[in-house]
Amino acid sequence: MQNRLNNQNERWSWEKIFELFAYIGIGCIAIALLLSAIFGSKTLADIFRCVGEAVAYIVCIVVAGLWVKRKTHVVWLILYVVFTVSIVVLYIVNIAL
C-alpha cells in the first residue's frame, strides 16, 4: 500500500511541470541580478534575464488563461488575447533590438 502511494506522488502532472518551470524562471532571474550586481556583466546577465523574463511571462499568460477560461463573458477573452499578443510581439521586438 505504501509503495503505491509513493508511486502516485512521483508521477508528473501539468501542475508539477508548471511549478518546475516557474522555479527555473526565478532561478534565471536571480542569477541575472546577481551577475549584473557583482560583475556588471551585460552579456551573461542579459542571457539569464531574457530566459527568466520569458518564463515569467509564460507563467503569467498561462495562469491568466486559466482564469479567463472560467469566465463567461467574451470581453475577458478578447482582452486576454490582446494582452497576450502584445506581450509576445513586444518581447520579441525588444530582444531583436
C-alpha atoms as a PDB file:
ATOM      1  CA  MET A   1       0.000   0.000   0.000  1.00  0.00           C
ATOM      2  CA  GLN A   2       2.777   2.415   0.928  1.00  0.00           C
ATOM      3  CA  ASN A   3       4.624   1.683  -2.322  1.00  0.00           C
ATOM      4  CA  ARG A   4       1.532   2.524  -4.360  1.00  0.00           C
ATOM      5  CA  LEU A   5       1.159   5.879  -2.565  1.00  0.00           C
ATOM      6  CA  ASN A   6       4.803   6.708  -3.283  1.00  0.00           C
ATOM      7  CA  ASN A   7       4.319   5.949  -6.989  1.00  0.00           C
ATOM      8  CA  GLN A   8       1.363   8.337  -7.142  1.00  0.00           C
ATOM      9  CA  ASN A   9       3.436  11.121  -5.593  1.00  0.00           C
ATOM     10  CA  GLU A  10       6.271  10.583  -8.084  1.00  0.00           C
ATOM     11  CA  ARG A  11       4.077  10.954 -11.185  1.00  0.00           C
ATOM     12  CA  TRP A  12       4.491  14.078 -13.256  1.00  0.00           C
ATOM     13  CA  SER A  13       1.464  16.253 -13.713  1.00  0.00           C
ATOM     14  CA  TRP A  14       0.965  19.527 -15.542  1.00  0.00           C
ATOM     15  CA  GLU A  15       0.957  21.255 -12.171  1.00  0.00           C
ATOM     16  CA  LYS A  16       4.351  19.820 -11.212  1.00  0.00           C
ATOM     17  CA  ILE A  17       5.839  20.665 -14.618  1.00  0.00           C
ATOM     18  CA  PHE A  18       4.435  24.189 -14.347  1.00  0.00           C
ATOM     19  CA  GLU A  19       5.929  24.588 -10.857  1.00  0.00           C
ATOM     20  CA  LEU A  20       9.324  23.377 -12.083  1.00  0.00           C
ATOM     21  CA  PHE A  21       9.139  25.795 -15.000  1.00  0.00           C
ATOM     22  CA  ALA A  22       8.409  28.682 -12.615  1.00  0.00           C
ATOM     23  CA  TYR A  23      11.256  27.586 -10.337  1.00  0.00           C
ATOM     24  CA  ILE A  24      13.723  27.638 -13.252  1.00  0.00           C
ATOM     25  CA  GLY A  25      12.442  31.077 -14.221  1.00  0.00           C
ATOM     26  CA  ILE A  26      13.030  32.631 -10.822  1.00  0.00           C
ATOM     27  CA  GLY A  27      16.446  30.984 -10.699  1.00  0.00           C
ATOM     28  CA  CYS A  28      17.408  32.602 -14.008  1.00  0.00           C
ATOM     29  CA  ILE A  29      16.204  35.997 -12.833  1.00  0.00           C
ATOM     30  CA  ALA A  30      18.129  35.654  -9.571  1.00  0.00           C
ATOM     31  CA  ILE A  31      21.322  34.636 -11.381  1.00  0.00           C
ATOM     32  CA  ALA A  32      20.959  37.547 -13.812  1.00  0.00           C
ATOM     33  CA  LEU A  33      20.550  40.053 -10.996  1.00  0.00           C
ATOM     34  CA  LEU A  34      23.469  38.562  -9.099  1.00  0.00           C
ATOM     35  CA  LEU A  35      25.794  38.622 -12.120  1.00  0.00           C
ATOM     36  CA  SER A  36      24.925  42.188 -13.012  1.00  0.00           C
ATOM     37  CA  ALA A  37      25.384  43.298  -9.388  1.00  0.00           C
ATOM     38  CA  ILE A  38      28.752  41.596  -8.934  1.00  0.00           C
ATOM     39  CA  PHE A  39      30.395  41.858 -12.322  1.00  0.00           C
ATOM     40  CA  GLY A  40      28.316  44.355 -14.206  1.00  0.00           C
ATOM     41  CA  SER A  41      28.479  41.722 -16.955  1.00  0.00           C
ATOM     42  CA  LYS A  42      25.881  42.570 -19.510  1.00  0.00           C
ATOM     43  CA  THR A  43      26.137  39.611 -21.861  1.00  0.00           C
ATOM     44  CA  LEU A  44      25.842  36.690 -19.427  1.00  0.00           C
ATOM     45  CA  ALA A  45      23.423  38.544 -17.163  1.00  0.00           C
ATOM     46  CA  ASP A  46      21.280  39.511 -20.141  1.00  0.00           C
ATOM     47  CA  ILE A  47      21.023  35.891 -21.261  1.00  0.00           C
ATOM     48  CA  PHE A  48      19.762  34.779 -17.863  1.00  0.00           C
ATOM     49  CA  ARG A  49      17.478  37.824 -17.660  1.00  0.00           C
ATOM     50  CA  CYS A  50      15.904  37.027 -21.040  1.00  0.00           C
ATOM     51  CA  VAL A  51      15.279  33.400 -20.084  1.00  0.00           C
ATOM     52  CA  GLY A  52      13.891  34.378 -16.687  1.00  0.00           C
ATOM     53  CA  GLU A  53      11.611  37.016 -18.162  1.00  0.00           C
ATOM     54  CA  ALA A  54      10.348  34.633 -20.840  1.00  0.00           C
ATOM     55  CA  VAL A  55       9.491  32.032 -18.213  1.00  0.00           C
ATOM     56  CA  ALA A  56       7.797  34.656 -16.024  1.00  0.00           C
ATOM     57  CA  TYR A  57       5.730  35.907 -18.952  1.00  0.00           C
ATOM     58  CA  ILE A  58       4.717  32.380 -19.920  1.00  0.00           C
ATOM     59  CA  VAL A  59       3.708  31.553 -16.353  1.00  0.00           C
ATOM     60  CA  CYS A  60       1.603  34.718 -16.136  1.00  0.00           C
ATOM     61  CA  ILE A  61      -0.010  34.083 -19.520  1.00  0.00           C
ATOM     62  CA  VAL A  62      -0.921  30.504 -18.591  1.00  0.00           C
ATOM     63  CA  VAL A  63      -2.324  31.439 -15.176  1.00  0.00           C
ATOM     64  CA  ALA A  64      -4.314  34.310 -16.668  1.00  0.00           C
ATOM     65  CA  GLY A  65      -5.587  31.975 -19.385  1.00  0.00           C
ATOM     66  CA  LEU A  66      -6.844  29.531 -16.775  1.00  0.00           C
ATOM     67  CA  TRP A  67      -8.636  32.393 -15.035  1.00  0.00           C
ATOM     68  CA  VAL A  68     -10.199  33.653 -18.289  1.00  0.00           C
ATOM     69  CA  LYS A  69     -11.310  30.112 -19.147  1.00  0.00           C
ATOM     70  CA  ARG A  70     -13.671  30.188 -16.150  1.00  0.00           C
ATOM     71  CA  LYS A  71     -15.282  33.489 -17.248  1.00  0.00           C
ATOM     72  CA  THR A  72     -18.417  33.514 -19.378  1.00  0.00           C
ATOM     73  CA  HIS A  73     -18.269  36.998 -20.884  1.00  0.00           C
ATOM     74  CA  VAL A  74     -16.419  37.242 -24.217  1.00  0.00           C
ATOM     75  CA  VAL A  75     -14.763  40.573 -23.320  1.00  0.00           C
ATOM     76  CA  TRP A  76     -12.416  38.791 -20.907  1.00  0.00           C
ATOM     77  CA  LEU A  77     -11.235  36.500 -23.699  1.00  0.00           C
ATOM     78  CA  ILE A  78     -10.769  39.356 -26.184  1.00  0.00           C
ATOM     79  CA  LEU A  79      -8.714  41.383 -23.719  1.00  0.00           C
ATOM     80  CA  TYR A  80      -6.674  38.292 -22.822  1.00  0.00           C
ATOM     81  CA  VAL A  81      -5.820  37.698 -26.480  1.00  0.00           C
ATOM     82  CA  VAL A  82      -4.899  41.374 -26.986  1.00  0.00           C
ATOM     83  CA  PHE A  83      -2.688  41.385 -23.880  1.00  0.00           C
ATOM     84  CA  THR A  84      -1.009  38.089 -24.769  1.00  0.00           C
ATOM     85  CA  VAL A  85      -0.272  39.091 -28.355  1.00  0.00           C
ATOM     86  CA  SER A  86       1.065  42.444 -27.162  1.00  0.00           C
ATOM     87  CA  ILE A  87       3.410  40.789 -24.680  1.00  0.00           C
ATOM     88  CA  VAL A  88       4.723  38.270 -27.205  1.00  0.00           C
ATOM     89  CA  VAL A  89       5.250  40.799 -30.004  1.00  0.00           C
ATOM     90  CA  LEU A  90       6.833  43.450 -27.793  1.00  0.00           C
ATOM     91  CA  TYR A  91       9.096  40.924 -26.079  1.00  0.00           C
ATOM     92  CA  ILE A  92      10.368  39.629 -29.420  1.00  0.00           C
ATOM     93  CA  VAL A  93      10.887  43.188 -30.681  1.00  0.00           C
ATOM     94  CA  ASN A  94      12.834  44.124 -27.520  1.00  0.00           C
ATOM     95  CA  ILE A  95      15.081  41.058 -27.866  1.00  0.00           C
ATOM     96  CA  ALA A  96      15.779  41.864 -31.512  1.00  0.00           C
ATOM     97  CA  LEU A  97      16.846  45.414 -30.677  1.00  0.00           C
END
